[in-house]
Protein backbone atom coordinates (compact mmCIF):
# COMPACT_ATOMS: atom_id res chain seq x y z
CA UNK A 1 -76.76 -180.71 122.57
CA UNK A 2 -80.28 -179.83 123.09
CA UNK A 3 -83.00 -182.63 123.17
CA UNK A 4 -85.80 -183.09 120.88
CA UNK A 5 -88.33 -181.70 123.48
CA UNK A 6 -86.12 -178.58 123.99
CA UNK A 7 -86.05 -177.97 120.19
CA UNK A 8 -89.89 -178.42 120.01
CA UNK A 9 -90.47 -175.78 122.74
CA UNK A 10 -87.92 -173.36 121.13
CA UNK A 11 -89.77 -173.59 117.75
CA UNK A 12 -93.03 -172.91 119.49
CA UNK A 13 -91.76 -169.95 121.53
CA UNK A 14 -90.24 -168.58 118.27
CA UNK A 15 -93.51 -169.08 116.29
CA UNK A 16 -95.38 -167.20 119.20
CA UNK A 17 -92.81 -164.18 118.80
CA UNK A 18 -93.30 -164.17 115.07
CA UNK A 19 -97.05 -163.68 115.60
CA UNK A 20 -96.42 -160.98 117.80
CA UNK A 21 -93.84 -159.07 115.67
CA UNK A 22 -96.17 -159.58 112.62
CA UNK A 23 -99.09 -158.04 114.42
CA UNK A 24 -96.80 -155.10 115.40
CA UNK A 25 -95.78 -154.45 112.05
CA UNK A 26 -99.33 -154.37 110.82
CA UNK A 27 -100.24 -152.01 113.42
CA UNK A 28 -97.25 -149.73 112.84
CA UNK A 29 -98.15 -149.74 109.08
CA UNK A 30 -101.62 -148.63 109.77
CA UNK A 31 -100.51 -146.00 112.01
CA UNK A 32 -97.70 -144.81 109.64
CA UNK A 33 -100.14 -143.90 106.82
CA UNK A 34 -102.09 -141.54 109.04
CA UNK A 35 -98.91 -140.10 110.67
CA UNK A 36 -97.16 -139.62 107.29
CA UNK A 37 -100.14 -137.78 105.82
CA UNK A 38 -100.21 -135.57 108.81
CA UNK A 39 -96.57 -134.65 108.80
CA UNK A 40 -96.46 -134.10 105.04
CA UNK A 41 -99.52 -131.81 105.25
CA UNK A 42 -97.98 -129.77 108.02
CA UNK A 43 -94.69 -129.10 105.97
CA UNK A 44 -95.97 -126.53 103.55
CA UNK A 45 -97.55 -124.34 106.28
CA UNK A 46 -94.69 -124.52 108.46
CA UNK A 47 -92.12 -123.82 105.67
CA UNK A 48 -94.20 -120.87 104.27
CA UNK A 49 -94.61 -119.33 107.61
CA UNK A 50 -90.87 -119.46 108.25
CA UNK A 51 -90.28 -117.90 104.86
CA UNK A 52 -92.91 -115.09 105.56
CA UNK A 53 -91.46 -114.30 108.96
CA UNK A 54 -87.94 -114.25 107.42
CA UNK A 55 -89.22 -111.61 104.98
CA UNK A 56 -90.54 -109.60 107.92
CA UNK A 57 -87.28 -110.13 109.92
CA UNK A 58 -85.06 -108.83 107.19
CA UNK A 59 -86.94 -105.52 107.08
CA UNK A 60 -86.39 -105.14 110.87
CA UNK A 61 -82.78 -106.22 110.93
CA UNK A 62 -80.64 -103.98 113.09
CA UNK A 63 -83.67 -102.21 114.52
CA UNK A 64 -83.83 -101.48 118.18
CA UNK A 65 -87.58 -102.41 118.70
CA UNK A 66 -87.49 -105.71 117.06
CA UNK A 67 -89.07 -108.60 119.33
CA UNK A 68 -86.62 -110.57 121.38
CA UNK A 69 -87.82 -113.97 119.96
CA UNK A 70 -86.37 -112.63 116.71
CA UNK A 71 -83.30 -111.01 117.68
CA UNK A 72 -82.53 -112.97 120.82
CA UNK A 73 -80.82 -111.78 124.02
CA UNK A 74 -77.63 -110.70 122.34
CA UNK A 75 -75.92 -113.45 124.01
CA UNK A 76 -75.00 -117.00 123.37
CA UNK A 77 -74.21 -118.37 126.91
CA UNK A 78 -77.20 -120.52 127.74
CA UNK A 79 -78.71 -123.00 125.44
CA UNK A 80 -81.93 -124.91 125.68
CA UNK A 81 -82.20 -128.22 123.89
CA UNK A 82 -85.61 -129.70 123.15
CA UNK A 83 -85.13 -133.51 122.57
CA UNK A 84 -88.07 -135.21 120.95
CA UNK A 85 -88.14 -138.97 121.17
CA UNK A 86 -90.85 -141.77 121.68
CA UNK A 87 -92.37 -143.12 124.75
CA UNK A 88 -91.88 -146.83 123.54
CA UNK A 89 -89.24 -148.76 122.16
CA UNK A 90 -89.04 -151.70 119.63
CA UNK A 91 -88.56 -149.26 116.79
CA UNK A 92 -84.82 -149.90 115.76
CA UNK A 93 -82.32 -147.16 116.08
CA UNK A 94 -84.94 -144.31 116.12
CA UNK A 95 -84.43 -143.33 119.62
CA UNK A 96 -80.64 -144.09 119.64
CA UNK A 97 -79.91 -141.76 116.87
CA UNK A 98 -81.46 -138.74 118.63
CA UNK A 99 -79.66 -139.70 121.80
CA UNK A 100 -76.35 -139.91 120.20
CA UNK A 101 -76.94 -136.39 118.26
CA UNK A 102 -78.06 -134.81 121.49
CA UNK A 103 -75.07 -136.08 123.39
CA UNK A 104 -72.69 -134.88 120.78
CA UNK A 105 -74.34 -131.36 120.60
CA UNK A 106 -74.62 -131.01 124.37
CA UNK A 107 -70.76 -132.23 124.73
CA UNK A 108 -69.73 -129.69 122.12
CA UNK A 109 -71.55 -126.88 123.74
CA UNK A 110 -70.10 -127.64 127.01
CA UNK A 111 -66.71 -127.91 125.48
CA UNK A 112 -67.07 -124.32 124.47
CA UNK A 113 -67.92 -123.22 127.98
CA UNK A 114 -71.70 -122.93 127.31
CA UNK A 115 -74.38 -123.69 129.85
CA UNK A 116 -76.77 -126.15 128.69
CA UNK A 117 -80.54 -127.08 129.80
CA UNK A 118 -82.50 -129.97 128.43
CA UNK A 119 -86.34 -130.40 127.87
CA UNK A 120 -87.23 -133.82 126.91
CA UNK A 121 -90.25 -134.89 125.06
CA UNK A 122 -90.83 -138.77 125.30
CA UNK A 123 -89.77 -141.27 127.87
CA UNK A 124 -86.99 -143.03 125.98
CA UNK A 125 -84.88 -139.99 125.46
CA UNK A 126 -85.46 -138.98 129.12
CA UNK A 127 -84.17 -142.30 130.58
CA UNK A 128 -81.34 -142.72 128.10
CA UNK A 129 -79.89 -139.29 128.81
CA UNK A 130 -80.62 -139.26 132.45
CA UNK A 131 -77.57 -140.85 133.73
CA UNK A 132 -75.18 -138.42 131.86
CA UNK A 133 -77.22 -135.20 131.60
CA UNK A 134 -79.88 -135.67 134.35
CA UNK A 135 -78.72 -132.60 136.21
CA UNK A 136 -79.50 -130.40 133.14
CA UNK A 137 -83.16 -131.35 132.96
CA UNK A 138 -85.62 -128.46 133.26
CA UNK A 139 -88.86 -130.29 132.21
CA UNK A 140 -89.85 -133.72 130.95
CA UNK A 141 -93.07 -134.55 128.91
CA UNK A 142 -94.28 -138.03 128.21
CA UNK A 143 -97.49 -139.46 126.70
CA UNK A 144 -97.40 -136.71 123.78
CA UNK A 145 -99.13 -138.19 120.79
CA UNK A 146 -100.51 -141.11 122.42
CA UNK A 147 -103.99 -140.64 120.73
CA UNK A 148 -102.47 -138.58 117.92
CA UNK A 149 -100.39 -135.40 118.01
CA UNK A 150 -102.44 -132.45 118.60
CA UNK A 151 -101.52 -128.76 118.20
CA UNK A 152 -102.63 -128.26 121.84
CA UNK A 153 -99.71 -130.47 123.21
CA UNK A 154 -97.27 -128.42 121.03
CA UNK A 155 -98.70 -125.22 122.30
CA UNK A 156 -98.11 -126.35 125.86
CA UNK A 157 -94.44 -126.92 125.13
CA UNK A 158 -94.24 -123.72 123.26
CA UNK A 159 -95.55 -121.75 126.18
CA UNK A 160 -93.14 -123.42 128.53
CA UNK A 161 -90.24 -122.47 126.24
CA UNK A 162 -91.57 -118.90 125.85
CA UNK A 163 -92.10 -118.51 129.69
CA UNK A 164 -88.44 -119.65 130.27
CA UNK A 165 -87.01 -117.24 127.37
CA UNK A 166 -88.94 -114.34 128.95
CA UNK A 167 -87.70 -115.11 132.49
CA UNK A 168 -84.19 -115.21 131.05
CA UNK A 169 -83.75 -118.71 131.33
CA UNK A 170 -81.82 -119.30 128.08
CA UNK A 171 -80.35 -117.48 125.09
CA UNK A 172 -80.70 -120.00 122.20
CA UNK A 173 -83.27 -122.82 121.89
CA UNK A 174 -82.75 -125.74 119.57
CA UNK A 175 -85.03 -128.78 118.99
CA UNK A 176 -83.68 -132.14 117.94
CA UNK A 177 -85.97 -134.48 116.26
CA UNK A 178 -86.10 -137.13 113.35
CA UNK A 179 -87.36 -135.85 109.98
CA UNK A 180 -89.33 -138.28 108.16
CA UNK A 181 -88.25 -139.29 104.69
CA UNK A 182 -89.51 -142.77 104.35
CA UNK A 183 -90.30 -145.88 106.21
CA UNK A 184 -86.64 -146.94 106.28
CA UNK A 185 -85.14 -143.62 106.39
CA UNK A 186 -85.22 -140.83 108.95
CA UNK A 187 -82.95 -137.88 109.23
CA UNK A 188 -81.79 -136.46 112.61
CA UNK A 189 -82.49 -132.70 112.44
CA UNK A 190 -81.44 -129.89 114.68
CA UNK A 191 -83.51 -126.80 114.14
CA UNK A 192 -82.95 -123.40 115.90
CA UNK A 193 -86.10 -122.04 117.24
CA UNK A 194 -85.00 -119.13 119.38
CA UNK A 195 -83.83 -116.73 118.09
CA UNK A 196 -85.68 -117.18 114.73
CA UNK A 197 -83.20 -118.73 112.33
CA UNK A 198 -83.86 -116.63 109.07
CA UNK A 199 -83.56 -118.81 106.09
CA UNK A 200 -81.06 -117.72 103.52
CA UNK A 201 -82.52 -116.32 100.43
CA UNK A 202 -80.67 -117.10 97.13
CA UNK A 203 -79.75 -114.28 94.85
CA UNK A 204 -82.12 -113.78 91.88
CA UNK A 205 -80.23 -112.77 88.73
CA UNK A 206 -83.35 -113.06 86.46
CA UNK A 207 -83.82 -109.25 86.31
CA UNK A 208 -87.42 -109.49 87.49
CA UNK A 209 -88.84 -106.75 89.58
CA UNK A 210 -89.88 -108.26 92.87
CA UNK A 211 -93.05 -107.08 94.61
CA UNK A 212 -93.08 -104.70 97.58
CA UNK A 213 -95.41 -105.22 100.39
CA UNK A 214 -96.91 -102.89 102.80
CA UNK A 215 -97.98 -104.47 106.15
CA UNK A 216 -101.02 -103.39 108.23
CA UNK A 217 -100.56 -103.29 111.24
CA UNK A 218 -96.76 -102.56 111.30
CA UNK A 219 -94.00 -105.28 110.85
CA UNK A 220 -93.31 -105.07 114.68
CA UNK A 221 -97.04 -105.76 115.67
CA UNK A 222 -97.27 -108.58 113.18
CA UNK A 223 -94.01 -110.28 114.38
CA UNK A 224 -94.91 -109.88 118.08
CA UNK A 225 -98.07 -111.83 117.35
CA UNK A 226 -96.52 -114.47 114.78
CA UNK A 227 -93.34 -115.21 116.39
CA UNK A 228 -94.86 -117.20 119.46
CA UNK A 229 -97.37 -118.98 117.12
CA UNK A 230 -94.55 -119.76 114.81
CA UNK A 231 -92.74 -121.38 117.80
CA UNK A 232 -95.68 -123.49 118.45
CA UNK A 233 -95.97 -124.43 114.75
CA UNK A 234 -92.46 -125.55 114.46
CA UNK A 235 -92.61 -127.71 117.66
CA UNK A 236 -96.07 -129.18 116.45
CA UNK A 237 -94.06 -130.00 113.02
CA UNK A 238 -91.23 -131.66 114.83
CA UNK A 239 -93.65 -133.73 116.86
CA UNK A 240 -95.40 -134.90 113.72
CA UNK A 241 -92.34 -135.64 111.98
CA UNK A 242 -91.12 -137.69 114.92
CA UNK A 243 -94.43 -139.49 115.23
CA UNK A 244 -94.15 -140.49 111.46
CA UNK A 245 -90.57 -141.47 111.87
CA UNK A 246 -91.24 -143.59 114.84
CA UNK A 247 -94.04 -145.55 113.08
CA UNK A 248 -91.85 -146.11 110.09
CA UNK A 249 -88.87 -147.25 112.14
CA UNK A 250 -91.17 -149.66 114.09
CA UNK A 251 -92.62 -151.11 111.06
CA UNK A 252 -89.17 -151.72 109.50
CA UNK A 253 -87.90 -153.14 112.73
CA UNK A 254 -90.79 -155.47 113.18
CA UNK A 255 -90.70 -156.69 109.62
CA UNK A 256 -86.88 -157.58 110.08
CA UNK A 257 -87.73 -159.31 113.42
CA UNK A 258 -90.45 -161.25 111.58
CA UNK A 259 -88.18 -162.36 108.74
CA UNK A 260 -85.43 -163.26 111.30
CA UNK A 261 -87.88 -165.38 113.36
CA UNK A 262 -88.74 -167.31 110.07
CA UNK A 263 -85.26 -167.91 109.42
CA UNK A 264 -84.82 -169.12 112.86
CA UNK A 265 -87.65 -171.48 112.76
CA UNK A 266 -86.52 -173.08 109.42
CA UNK A 267 -82.90 -173.55 111.20
CA UNK A 268 -84.42 -175.03 114.16
CA UNK A 269 -86.80 -177.30 112.23
CA UNK A 270 -83.88 -178.60 110.32
CA UNK A 271 -81.96 -179.37 113.33
CA UNK A 272 -85.16 -180.97 115.10
CA UNK A 273 -85.55 -183.38 111.92
CA UNK A 274 -81.90 -184.23 111.80
CA UNK A 275 -81.91 -185.06 115.54
CA UNK A 276 -85.03 -187.02 115.21
CA UNK A 277 -83.81 -188.88 112.26
CA UNK A 278 -80.40 -189.83 114.09
CA UNK A 279 -82.30 -191.00 117.08
CA UNK A 280 -84.66 -193.12 114.86
CA UNK A 281 -81.61 -194.49 113.07
CA UNK A 282 -79.78 -195.16 116.38
CA UNK A 283 -82.81 -197.11 117.74
CA UNK A 284 -83.09 -199.29 114.55
CA UNK A 285 -79.44 -200.17 114.95
CA UNK A 286 -79.78 -201.08 118.51
CA UNK A 287 -83.13 -203.34 117.58
CA UNK A 288 -81.22 -204.89 114.62
CA UNK A 289 -77.97 -205.56 116.63
CA UNK A 290 -80.18 -207.19 119.46
CA UNK A 291 -82.05 -209.35 116.90
CA UNK A 292 -78.71 -210.61 115.30
CA UNK A 293 -77.37 -211.46 118.92
CA UNK A 294 -80.13 -213.67 119.54
């Protein structure tokens, strides 16, 4: 049974930990507001750009002169997986969910006889996947978003992906990241970047006449310019979503840790008071017994 001194030291230690977790929760909450607004602001642009490219791509379907970023290489043998995680921990299951989804996806592709390459963004994903898939790494990035996610950082990653694709390094590229829903909910998302996954359009039975557009310059020229830009935009969006999800997960994890520390302090305080009372009672009994013996 721990002594009174041990219990006092344990209570002081847990109180110090509670101060740290409470401060980290407040910092994460402050960062979450900015990260959430940035992620939500980027969604409309990324989604509309994807829809516009889908409309352009549908007019070039089956044509021989279409850009390779749109049509792909015609093969499905080599897959590049871009894994977006964080550089720091203490954010609950944020990184673990991405690692599990990546491991399942890579294992499934390898079972089909595909060749897999991995590009990691974030130190946690790199370290957790290294033992099993370290030989598949082609590039690793860390420190992304340390002072706020910028488009230049996303563009650097997009340039690396484009260079690999132009050199014949892969046939299909997929990014794995956490899409932000709320501070307590993040959805693991696998989004195909190369070739462009044209969003499915629902049939319109309203009978309305749809507008016809003429493009200047040609569709091929527009796609050749916009497809690399769209790749950078989609990667930028995934980084923003991941950053907001990380801060939300960290705020939730630190809130739970703070409340658990409070419960532990209450439990230890009760044990300390009971032990102290038992020791006082024991000493009183010894004094009374000694007095009666005299």
